[in-house]
Amino acid sequence: MKLGELAGLIRSKNAGPFQLTFDIMFDREDKYRRVVAAGVITEEWFKKTYGIPEGEIGIYYYEPAWAIKVTIPRPVPSGDPLDTDVYGGQQYGPLVNLEIP
């Protein structure tokens, strides 16, 4: 099953001009627990998928809201001439197809 089939919401957005944040939210506790237990949302996955150096990835589990938040540095600052997504809202795509065992 894919993360996009389990999560009620997957989104990305700016967390200031130098960071992106990903929110993964669930509408049921069992779905949240399944994804957490699978252990596939890792620094290694974000490092490989987004080319982020180790130690610069924050992964936070917020059980009361059945949510996972991940924060990574932006490849270029928001609004930079090389920036292709000023608001960071299009960066969540690879998460949707992440396989959950």
PDB file of N, CA and C in Angstrom:
ATOM      1  N   MET A   1       0.848  -1.173   0.000  1.00  0.00           N
ATOM      2  CA  MET A   1       0.000   0.000   0.000  1.00  0.00           C
ATOM      3  C   MET A   1       0.900   1.246   0.000  1.00  0.00           C
ATOM      4  N   LYS A   2       0.430   2.289  -0.622  1.00  0.00           N
ATOM      5  CA  LYS A   2       1.204   3.534  -0.709  1.00  0.00           C
ATOM      6  C   LYS A   2       0.762   4.513   0.381  1.00  0.00           C
ATOM      7  N   LEU A   3       1.694   5.378   0.764  1.00  0.00           N
ATOM      8  CA  LEU A   3       1.411   6.363   1.805  1.00  0.00           C
ATOM      9  C   LEU A   3       0.204   7.216   1.426  1.00  0.00           C
ATOM     10  N   GLY A   4       0.081   7.561   0.156  1.00  0.00           N
ATOM     11  CA  GLY A   4      -1.047   8.366  -0.310  1.00  0.00           C
ATOM     12  C   GLY A   4      -2.397   7.699  -0.108  1.00  0.00           C
ATOM     13  N   GLU A   5      -2.414   6.385   0.008  1.00  0.00           N
ATOM     14  CA  GLU A   5      -3.659   5.659   0.251  1.00  0.00           C
ATOM     15  C   GLU A   5      -4.014   5.608   1.739  1.00  0.00           C
ATOM     16  N   LEU A   6      -3.035   5.787   2.589  1.00  0.00           N
ATOM     17  CA  LEU A   6      -3.250   5.718   4.040  1.00  0.00           C
ATOM     18  C   LEU A   6      -3.449   7.091   4.675  1.00  0.00           C
ATOM     19  N   ALA A   7      -2.717   8.070   4.195  1.00  0.00           N
ATOM     20  CA  ALA A   7      -2.762   9.406   4.799  1.00  0.00           C
ATOM     21  C   ALA A   7      -3.997  10.163   4.334  1.00  0.00           C
ATOM     22  N   GLY A   8      -4.573  10.932   5.233  1.00  0.00           N
ATOM     23  CA  GLY A   8      -5.678  11.799   4.881  1.00  0.00           C
ATOM     24  C   GLY A   8      -5.195  13.053   4.178  1.00  0.00           C
ATOM     25  N   LEU A   9      -3.951  13.463   4.483  1.00  0.00           N
ATOM     26  CA  LEU A   9      -3.376  14.671   3.896  1.00  0.00           C
ATOM     27  C   LEU A   9      -1.867  14.531   3.857  1.00  0.00           C
ATOM     28  N   ILE A  10      -1.295  14.829   2.709  1.00  0.00           N
ATOM     29  CA  ILE A  10       0.158  14.937   2.561  1.00  0.00           C
ATOM     30  C   ILE A  10       0.402  16.266   1.874  1.00  0.00           C
ATOM     31  N   ARG A  11       1.203  17.120   2.502  1.00  0.00           N
ATOM     32  CA  ARG A  11       1.470  18.416   1.878  1.00  0.00           C
ATOM     33  C   ARG A  11       2.886  18.866   2.209  1.00  0.00           C
ATOM     34  N   SER A  12       3.368  19.803   1.423  1.00  0.00           N
ATOM     35  CA  SER A  12       4.646  20.446   1.688  1.00  0.00           C
ATOM     36  C   SER A  12       4.431  21.948   1.618  1.00  0.00           C
ATOM     37  N   LYS A  13       5.284  22.670   2.318  1.00  0.00           N
ATOM     38  CA  LYS A  13       5.184  24.129   2.304  1.00  0.00           C
ATOM     39  C   LYS A  13       6.470  24.706   2.873  1.00  0.00           C
ATOM     40  N   ASN A  14       6.649  25.975   2.657  1.00  0.00           N
ATOM     41  CA  ASN A  14       7.806  26.649   3.227  1.00  0.00           C
ATOM     42  C   ASN A  14       7.696  26.695   4.749  1.00  0.00           C
ATOM     43  N   ALA A  15       8.844  26.582   5.380  1.00  0.00           N
ATOM     44  CA  ALA A  15       8.958  26.838   6.816  1.00  0.00           C
ATOM     45  C   ALA A  15      10.005  27.946   6.925  1.00  0.00           C
ATOM     46  N   GLY A  16       9.648  29.097   6.382  1.00  0.00           N
ATOM     47  CA  GLY A  16      10.596  30.194   6.240  1.00  0.00           C
ATOM     48  C   GLY A  16      11.270  30.078   4.875  1.00  0.00           C
ATOM     49  N   PRO A  17      12.135  31.015   4.526  1.00  0.00           N
ATOM     50  CA  PRO A  17      12.727  31.010   3.187  1.00  0.00           C
ATOM     51  C   PRO A  17      13.804  29.951   2.972  1.00  0.00           C
ATOM     52  N   PHE A  18      14.269  29.303   4.046  1.00  0.00           N
ATOM     53  CA  PHE A  18      15.385  28.377   3.914  1.00  0.00           C
ATOM     54  C   PHE A  18      15.048  26.923   4.238  1.00  0.00           C
ATOM     55  N   GLN A  19      13.801  26.647   4.595  1.00  0.00           N
ATOM     56  CA  GLN A  19      13.418  25.284   4.949  1.00  0.00           C
ATOM     57  C   GLN A  19      12.074  24.919   4.333  1.00  0.00           C
ATOM     58  N   LEU A  20      11.907  23.619   4.097  1.00  0.00           N
ATOM     59  CA  LEU A  20      10.629  23.052   3.668  1.00  0.00           C
ATOM     60  C   LEU A  20      10.117  22.153   4.778  1.00  0.00           C
ATOM     61  N   THR A  21       8.822  22.093   4.928  1.00  0.00           N
ATOM     62  CA  THR A  21       8.237  21.168   5.888  1.00  0.00           C
ATOM     63  C   THR A  21       7.192  20.324   5.169  1.00  0.00           C
ATOM     64  N   PHE A  22       7.137  19.075   5.563  1.00  0.00           N
ATOM     65  CA  PHE A  22       6.176  18.121   5.012  1.00  0.00           C
ATOM     66  C   PHE A  22       5.259  17.707   6.151  1.00  0.00           C
ATOM     67  N   ASP A  23       3.970  17.735   5.909  1.00  0.00           N
ATOM     68  CA  ASP A  23       2.981  17.298   6.889  1.00  0.00           C
ATOM     69  C   ASP A  23       2.288  16.060   6.342  1.00  0.00           C
ATOM     70  N   ILE A  24       2.262  15.023   7.160  1.00  0.00           N
ATOM     71  CA  ILE A  24       1.568  13.785   6.813  1.00  0.00           C
ATOM     72  C   ILE A  24       0.559  13.557   7.926  1.00  0.00           C
ATOM     73  N   MET A  25      -0.717  13.623   7.590  1.00  0.00           N
ATOM     74  CA  MET A  25      -1.767  13.534   8.612  1.00  0.00           C
ATOM     75  C   MET A  25      -2.717  12.381   8.288  1.00  0.00           C
ATOM     76  N   PHE A  26      -3.229  11.776   9.345  1.00  0.00           N
ATOM     77  CA  PHE A  26      -4.074  10.599   9.198  1.00  0.00           C
ATOM     78  C   PHE A  26      -5.432  10.844   9.842  1.00  0.00           C
ATOM     79  N   ASP A  27      -6.456  10.190   9.300  1.00  0.00           N
ATOM     80  CA  ASP A  27      -7.799  10.346   9.850  1.00  0.00           C
ATOM     81  C   ASP A  27      -8.150   9.227  10.825  1.00  0.00           C
ATOM     82  N   ARG A  28      -7.245   8.244  10.936  1.00  0.00           N
ATOM     83  CA  ARG A  28      -7.482   7.146  11.877  1.00  0.00           C
ATOM     84  C   ARG A  28      -6.171   6.742  12.545  1.00  0.00           C
ATOM     85  N   GLU A  29      -6.272   6.416  13.802  1.00  0.00           N
ATOM     86  CA  GLU A  29      -5.088   6.045  14.580  1.00  0.00           C
ATOM     87  C   GLU A  29      -4.404   4.805  14.023  1.00  0.00           C
ATOM     88  N   ASP A  30      -5.153   3.808  13.572  1.00  0.00           N
ATOM     89  CA  ASP A  30      -4.535   2.583  13.070  1.00  0.00           C
ATOM     90  C   ASP A  30      -3.674   2.849  11.830  1.00  0.00           C
ATOM     91  N   LYS A  31      -4.093   3.774  10.984  1.00  0.00           N
ATOM     92  CA  LYS A  31      -3.291   4.131   9.809  1.00  0.00           C
ATOM     93  C   LYS A  31      -1.998   4.816  10.230  1.00  0.00           C
ATOM     94  N   TYR A  32      -2.111   5.756  11.153  1.00  0.00           N
ATOM     95  CA  TYR A  32      -0.934   6.449  11.681  1.00  0.00           C
ATOM     96  C   TYR A  32       0.060   5.434  12.261  1.00  0.00           C
ATOM     97  N   ARG A  33      -0.422   4.549  13.101  1.00  0.00           N
ATOM     98  CA  ARG A  33       0.445   3.558  13.751  1.00  0.00           C
ATOM     99  C   ARG A  33       1.079   2.605  12.740  1.00  0.00           C
ATOM    100  N   ARG A  34       0.338   2.252  11.704  1.00  0.00           N
ATOM    101  CA  ARG A  34       0.903   1.370  10.674  1.00  0.00           C
ATOM    102  C   ARG A  34       2.103   2.019   9.993  1.00  0.00           C
ATOM    103  N   VAL A  35       1.963   3.282   9.640  1.00  0.00           N
ATOM    104  CA  VAL A  35       3.047   3.985   8.956  1.00  0.00           C
ATOM    105  C   VAL A  35       4.244   4.168   9.896  1.00  0.00           C
ATOM    106  N   VAL A  36       3.993   4.556  11.128  1.00  0.00           N
ATOM    107  CA  VAL A  36       5.086   4.720  12.086  1.00  0.00           C
ATOM    108  C   VAL A  36       5.807   3.390  12.288  1.00  0.00           C
ATOM    109  N   ALA A  37       5.045   2.317  12.480  1.00  0.00           N
ATOM    110  CA  ALA A  37       5.642   0.999  12.718  1.00  0.00           C
ATOM    111  C   ALA A  37       6.440   0.500  11.510  1.00  0.00           C
ATOM    112  N   ALA A  38       6.033   0.895  10.308  1.00  0.00           N
ATOM    113  CA  ALA A  38       6.730   0.461   9.100  1.00  0.00           C
ATOM    114  C   ALA A  38       8.158   1.005   9.046  1.00  0.00           C
ATOM    115  N   GLY A  39       8.392   2.155   9.667  1.00  0.00           N
ATOM    116  CA  GLY A  39       9.739   2.716   9.729  1.00  0.00           C
ATOM    117  C   GLY A  39      10.318   3.134   8.381  1.00  0.00           C
ATOM    118  N   VAL A  40       9.469   3.552   7.459  1.00  0.00           N
ATOM    119  CA  VAL A  40       9.959   3.932   6.132  1.00  0.00           C
ATOM    120  C   VAL A  40      10.163   5.437   5.963  1.00  0.00           C
ATOM    121  N   ILE A  41       9.614   6.219   6.859  1.00  0.00           N
ATOM    122  CA  ILE A  41       9.848   7.672   6.808  1.00  0.00           C
ATOM    123  C   ILE A  41      11.089   7.923   7.646  1.00  0.00           C
ATOM    124  N   THR A  42      12.224   7.969   6.951  1.00  0.00           N
ATOM    125  CA  THR A  42      13.525   8.025   7.624  1.00  0.00           C
ATOM    126  C   THR A  42      14.401   9.126   7.043  1.00  0.00           C
ATOM    127  N   GLU A  43      15.447   9.458   7.790  1.00  0.00           N
ATOM    128  CA  GLU A  43      16.438  10.407   7.274  1.00  0.00           C
ATOM    129  C   GLU A  43      17.050   9.867   5.990  1.00  0.00           C
ATOM    130  N   GLU A  44      17.322   8.574   5.962  1.00  0.00           N
ATOM    131  CA  GLU A  44      17.938   7.958   4.783  1.00  0.00           C
ATOM    132  C   GLU A  44      17.062   8.140   3.540  1.00  0.00           C
ATOM    133  N   TRP A  45      15.738   7.938   3.689  1.00  0.00           N
ATOM    134  CA  TRP A  45      14.846   8.101   2.550  1.00  0.00           C
ATOM    135  C   TRP A  45      14.857   9.547   2.059  1.00  0.00           C
ATOM    136  N   PHE A  46      14.785  10.510   2.966  1.00  0.00           N
ATOM    137  CA  PHE A  46      14.799  11.923   2.562  1.00  0.00           C
ATOM    138  C   PHE A  46      16.151  12.313   1.979  1.00  0.00           C
ATOM    139  N   LYS A  47      17.214  11.769   2.533  1.00  0.00           N
ATOM    140  CA  LYS A  47      18.555  12.044   2.001  1.00  0.00           C
ATOM    141  C   LYS A  47      18.646  11.583   0.548  1.00  0.00           C
ATOM    142  N   LYS A  48      18.195  10.355   0.297  1.00  0.00           N
ATOM    143  CA  LYS A  48      18.251   9.783  -1.046  1.00  0.00           C
ATOM    144  C   LYS A  48      17.284  10.488  -2.000  1.00  0.00           C
ATOM    145  N   THR A  49      16.074  10.745  -1.552  1.00  0.00           N
ATOM    146  CA  THR A  49      15.033  11.303  -2.422  1.00  0.00           C
ATOM    147  C   THR A  49      15.250  12.784  -2.731  1.00  0.00           C
ATOM    148  N   TYR A  50      15.667  13.551  -1.726  1.00  0.00           N
ATOM    149  CA  TYR A  50      15.781  15.005  -1.897  1.00  0.00           C
ATOM    150  C   TYR A  50      17.222  15.507  -1.912  1.00  0.00           C
ATOM    151  N   GLY A  51      18.188  14.596  -1.758  1.00  0.00           N
ATOM    152  CA  GLY A  51      19.595  14.990  -1.801  1.00  0.00           C
ATOM    153  C   GLY A  51      19.999  15.867  -0.622  1.00  0.00           C
ATOM    154  N   ILE A  52      19.458  15.570   0.546  1.00  0.00           N
ATOM    155  CA  ILE A  52      19.719  16.368   1.748  1.00  0.00           C
ATOM    156  C   ILE A  52      20.832  15.704   2.553  1.00  0.00           C
ATOM    157  N   PRO A  53      21.817  16.471   3.017  1.00  0.00           N
ATOM    158  CA  PRO A  53      22.877  15.879   3.845  1.00  0.00           C
ATOM    159  C   PRO A  53      22.338  15.345   5.171  1.00  0.00           C
ATOM    160  N   GLU A  54      22.975  14.278   5.643  1.00  0.00           N
ATOM    161  CA  GLU A  54      22.584  13.721   6.940  1.00  0.00           C
ATOM    162  C   GLU A  54      22.718  14.774   8.030  1.00  0.00           C
ATOM    163  N   GLY A  55      21.880  14.653   9.031  1.00  0.00           N
ATOM    164  CA  GLY A  55      21.936  15.575  10.154  1.00  0.00           C
ATOM    165  C   GLY A  55      21.171  16.870   9.946  1.00  0.00           C
ATOM    166  N   GLU A  56      20.622  17.061   8.751  1.00  0.00           N
ATOM    167  CA  GLU A  56      19.869  18.292   8.463  1.00  0.00           C
ATOM    168  C   GLU A  56      18.386  18.010   8.259  1.00  0.00           C
ATOM    169  N   ILE A  57      17.960  16.811   8.647  1.00  0.00           N
ATOM    170  CA  ILE A  57      16.577  16.390   8.446  1.00  0.00           C
ATOM    171  C   ILE A  57      15.943  16.178   9.815  1.00  0.00           C
ATOM    172  N   GLY A  58      14.824  16.829  10.058  1.00  0.00           N
ATOM    173  CA  GLY A  58      14.104  16.651  11.318  1.00  0.00           C
ATOM    174  C   GLY A  58      12.806  15.897  11.067  1.00  0.00           C
ATOM    175  N   ILE A  59      12.621  14.807  11.799  1.00  0.00           N
ATOM    176  CA  ILE A  59      11.393  14.020  11.676  1.00  0.00           C
ATOM    177  C   ILE A  59      10.723  14.014  13.039  1.00  0.00           C
ATOM    178  N   TYR A  60       9.468  14.439  13.061  1.00  0.00           N
ATOM    179  CA  TYR A  60       8.737  14.594  14.319  1.00  0.00           C
ATOM    180  C   TYR A  60       7.411  13.845  14.239  1.00  0.00           C
ATOM    181  N   TYR A  61       7.141  13.055  15.232  1.00  0.00           N
ATOM    182  CA  TYR A  61       5.883  12.308  15.318  1.00  0.00           C
ATOM    183  C   TYR A  61       5.025  12.976  16.378  1.00  0.00           C
ATOM    184  N   TYR A  62       3.812  13.357  16.001  1.00  0.00           N
ATOM    185  CA  TYR A  62       2.906  14.009  16.937  1.00  0.00           C
ATOM    186  C   TYR A  62       1.662  13.144  17.085  1.00  0.00           C
ATOM    187  N   GLU A  63       1.732  12.236  18.031  1.00  0.00           N
ATOM    188  CA  GLU A  63       0.686  11.242  18.216  1.00  0.00           C
ATOM    189  C   GLU A  63      -0.697  11.818  18.510  1.00  0.00           C
ATOM    190  N   PRO A  64      -0.828  12.889  19.339  1.00  0.00           N
ATOM    191  CA  PRO A  64      -2.185  13.398  19.619  1.00  0.00           C
ATOM    192  C   PRO A  64      -2.965  13.808  18.369  1.00  0.00           C
ATOM    193  N   ALA A  65      -2.254  14.177  17.311  1.00  0.00           N
ATOM    194  CA  ALA A  65      -2.926  14.583  16.070  1.00  0.00           C
ATOM    195  C   ALA A  65      -2.766  13.532  14.967  1.00  0.00           C
ATOM    196  N   TRP A  66      -2.149  12.386  15.274  1.00  0.00           N
ATOM    197  CA  TRP A  66      -1.870  11.347  14.285  1.00  0.00           C
ATOM    198  C   TRP A  66      -1.169  11.968  13.077  1.00  0.00           C
ATOM    199  N   ALA A  67      -0.075  12.664  13.343  1.00  0.00           N
ATOM    200  CA  ALA A  67       0.625  13.399  12.292  1.00  0.00           C
ATOM    201  C   ALA A  67       2.132  13.184  12.370  1.00  0.00           C
ATOM    202  N   ILE A  68       2.766  13.288  11.213  1.00  0.00           N
ATOM    203  CA  ILE A  68       4.221  13.235  11.094  1.00  0.00           C
ATOM    204  C   ILE A  68       4.636  14.507  10.368  1.00  0.00           C
ATOM    205  N   LYS A  69       5.647  15.170  10.892  1.00  0.00           N
ATOM    206  CA  LYS A  69       6.167  16.390  10.271  1.00  0.00           C
ATOM    207  C   LYS A  69       7.648  16.160   9.993  1.00  0.00           C
ATOM    208  N   VAL A  70       8.073  16.538   8.807  1.00  0.00           N
ATOM    209  CA  VAL A  70       9.474  16.422   8.420  1.00  0.00           C
ATOM    210  C   VAL A  70       9.928  17.784   7.925  1.00  0.00           C
ATOM    211  N   THR A  71      11.081  18.233   8.408  1.00  0.00           N
ATOM    212  CA  THR A  71      11.622  19.516   7.975  1.00  0.00           C
ATOM    213  C   THR A  71      13.001  19.290   7.376  1.00  0.00           C
ATOM    214  N   ILE A  72      13.215  19.871   6.195  1.00  0.00           N
ATOM    215  CA  ILE A  72      14.490  19.760   5.499  1.00  0.00           C
ATOM    216  C   ILE A  72      14.908  21.145   5.001  1.00  0.00           C
ATOM    217  N   PRO A  73      16.198  21.344   4.753  1.00  0.00           N
ATOM    218  CA  PRO A  73      16.612  22.616   4.153  1.00  0.00           C
ATOM    219  C   PRO A  73      16.176  22.672   2.684  1.00  0.00           C
ATOM    220  N   ARG A  74      15.819  23.857   2.240  1.00  0.00           N
ATOM    221  CA  ARG A  74      15.497  24.040   0.822  1.00  0.00           C
ATOM    222  C   ARG A  74      16.786  23.969   0.017  1.00  0.00           C
ATOM    223  N   PRO A  75      16.737  23.447  -1.209  1.00  0.00           N
ATOM    224  CA  PRO A  75      17.958  23.406  -2.035  1.00  0.00           C
ATOM    225  C   PRO A  75      18.468  24.805  -2.382  1.00  0.00           C
ATOM    226  N   VAL A  76      17.537  25.735  -2.577  1.00  0.00           N
ATOM    227  CA  VAL A  76      17.869  27.159  -2.761  1.00  0.00           C
ATOM    228  C   VAL A  76      16.818  27.944  -1.990  1.00  0.00           C
ATOM    229  N   PRO A  77      17.153  29.156  -1.533  1.00  0.00           N
ATOM    230  CA  PRO A  77      16.163  29.942  -0.787  1.00  0.00           C
ATOM    231  C   PRO A  77      14.913  30.237  -1.619  1.00  0.00           C
ATOM    232  N   SER A  78      13.798  30.345  -0.941  1.00  0.00           N
ATOM    233  CA  SER A  78      12.544  30.702  -1.604  1.00  0.00           C
ATOM    234  C   SER A  78      12.704  32.046  -2.302  1.00  0.00           C
ATOM    235  N   GLY A  79      12.308  32.092  -3.554  1.00  0.00           N
ATOM    236  CA  GLY A  79      12.398  33.328  -4.324  1.00  0.00           C
ATOM    237  C   GLY A  79      13.712  33.504  -5.063  1.00  0.00           C
ATOM    238  N   ASP A  80      14.683  32.642  -4.823  1.00  0.00           N
ATOM    239  CA  ASP A  80      15.948  32.681  -5.542  1.00  0.00           C
ATOM    240  C   ASP A  80      15.669  32.487  -7.035  1.00  0.00           C
ATOM    241  N   PRO A  81      16.442  33.105  -7.926  1.00  0.00           N
ATOM    242  CA  PRO A  81      16.205  32.908  -9.357  1.00  0.00           C
ATOM    243  C   PRO A  81      16.221  31.434  -9.794  1.00  0.00           C
ATOM    244  N   LEU A  82      16.896  30.576  -9.046  1.00  0.00           N
ATOM    245  CA  LEU A  82      16.938  29.152  -9.375  1.00  0.00           C
ATOM    246  C   LEU A  82      15.800  28.352  -8.728  1.00  0.00           C
ATOM    247  N   ASP A  83      14.992  29.009  -7.920  1.00  0.00           N
ATOM    248  CA  ASP A  83      13.901  28.328  -7.224  1.00  0.00           C
ATOM    249  C   ASP A  83      12.786  27.987  -8.205  1.00  0.00           C
ATOM    250  N   THR A  84      12.336  26.736  -8.172  1.00  0.00           N
ATOM    251  CA  THR A  84      11.274  26.298  -9.072  1.00  0.00           C
ATOM    252  C   THR A  84       9.928  26.148  -8.370  1.00  0.00           C
ATOM    253  N   ASP A  85       9.898  26.406  -7.063  1.00  0.00           N
ATOM    254  CA  ASP A  85       8.659  26.251  -6.289  1.00  0.00           C
ATOM    255  C   ASP A  85       8.714  27.240  -5.116  1.00  0.00           C
ATOM    256  N   VAL A  86       8.362  28.470  -5.366  1.00  0.00           N
ATOM    257  CA  VAL A  86       8.512  29.550  -4.395  1.00  0.00           C
ATOM    258  C   VAL A  86       7.838  29.249  -3.063  1.00  0.00           C
ATOM    259  N   TYR A  87       6.676  28.609  -3.089  1.00  0.00           N
ATOM    260  CA  TYR A  87       5.942  28.335  -1.852  1.00  0.00           C
ATOM    261  C   TYR A  87       6.227  26.954  -1.276  1.00  0.00           C
ATOM    262  N   GLY A  88       6.976  26.137  -2.001  1.00  0.00           N
ATOM    263  CA  GLY A  88       7.301  24.806  -1.515  1.00  0.00           C
ATOM    264  C   GLY A  88       6.136  23.836  -1.552  1.00  0.00           C
ATOM    265  N   GLY A  89       5.055  24.207  -2.198  1.00  0.00           N
ATOM    266  CA  GLY A  89       3.841  23.409  -2.184  1.00  0.00           C
ATOM    267  C   GLY A  89       3.819  22.218  -3.134  1.00  0.00           C
ATOM    268  N   GLN A  90       4.854  22.059  -3.943  1.00  0.00           N
ATOM    269  CA  GLN A  90       4.867  20.959  -4.917  1.00  0.00           C
ATOM    270  C   GLN A  90       5.916  19.902  -4.607  1.00  0.00           C
ATOM    271  N   GLN A  91       6.484  19.935  -3.425  1.00  0.00           N
ATOM    272  CA  GLN A  91       7.597  19.041  -3.101  1.00  0.00           C
ATOM    273  C   GLN A  91       7.184  17.716  -2.474  1.00  0.00           C
ATOM    274  N   TYR A  92       5.930  17.552  -2.146  1.00  0.00           N
ATOM    275  CA  TYR A  92       5.458  16.357  -1.450  1.00  0.00           C
ATOM    276  C   TYR A  92       5.281  15.137  -2.357  1.00  0.00           C
ATOM    277  N   GLY A  93       5.318  15.313  -3.650  1.00  0.00           N
ATOM    278  CA  GLY A  93       5.005  14.255  -4.612  1.00  0.00           C
ATOM    279  C   GLY A  93       5.618  12.888  -4.328  1.00  0.00           C
ATOM    280  N   PRO A  94       6.913  12.784  -4.096  1.00  0.00           N
ATOM    281  CA  PRO A  94       7.494  11.459  -3.857  1.00  0.00           C
ATOM    282  C   PRO A  94       6.916  10.744  -2.641  1.00  0.00           C
ATOM    283  N   LEU A  95       6.435  11.487  -1.656  1.00  0.00           N
ATOM    284  CA  LEU A  95       5.850  10.846  -0.472  1.00  0.00           C
ATOM    285  C   LEU A  95       4.572  10.085  -0.804  1.00  0.00           C
ATOM    286  N   VAL A  96       3.804  10.566  -1.746  1.00  0.00           N
ATOM    287  CA  VAL A  96       2.521   9.962  -2.076  1.00  0.00           C
ATOM    288  C   VAL A  96       2.706   8.501  -2.495  1.00  0.00           C
ATOM    289  N   ASN A  97       3.771   8.207  -3.220  1.00  0.00           N
ATOM    290  CA  ASN A  97       3.996   6.850  -3.729  1.00  0.00           C
ATOM    291  C   ASN A  97       4.936   6.016  -2.858  1.00  0.00           C
ATOM    292  N   LEU A  98       5.270   6.496  -1.682  1.00  0.00           N
ATOM    293  CA  LEU A  98       6.144   5.735  -0.778  1.00  0.00           C
ATOM    294  C   LEU A  98       5.426   4.459  -0.352  1.00  0.00           C
ATOM    295  N   GLU A  99       6.051   3.318  -0.581  1.00  0.00           N
ATOM    296  CA  GLU A  99       5.467   2.020  -0.258  1.00  0.00           C
ATOM    297  C   GLU A  99       5.494   1.784   1.257  1.00  0.00           C
ATOM    298  N   ILE A 100       4.340   1.401   1.787  1.00  0.00           N
ATOM    299  CA  ILE A 100       4.218   1.072   3.210  1.00  0.00           C
ATOM    300  C   ILE A 100       3.935  -0.431   3.305  1.00  0.00           C
ATOM    301  N   PRO A 101       4.848  -1.189   3.909  1.00  0.00           N
ATOM    302  CA  PRO A 101       4.618  -2.638   4.029  1.00  0.00           C
ATOM    303  C   PRO A 101       3.472  -2.971   4.968  1.00  0.00           C
TER     304      PRO A 101
END
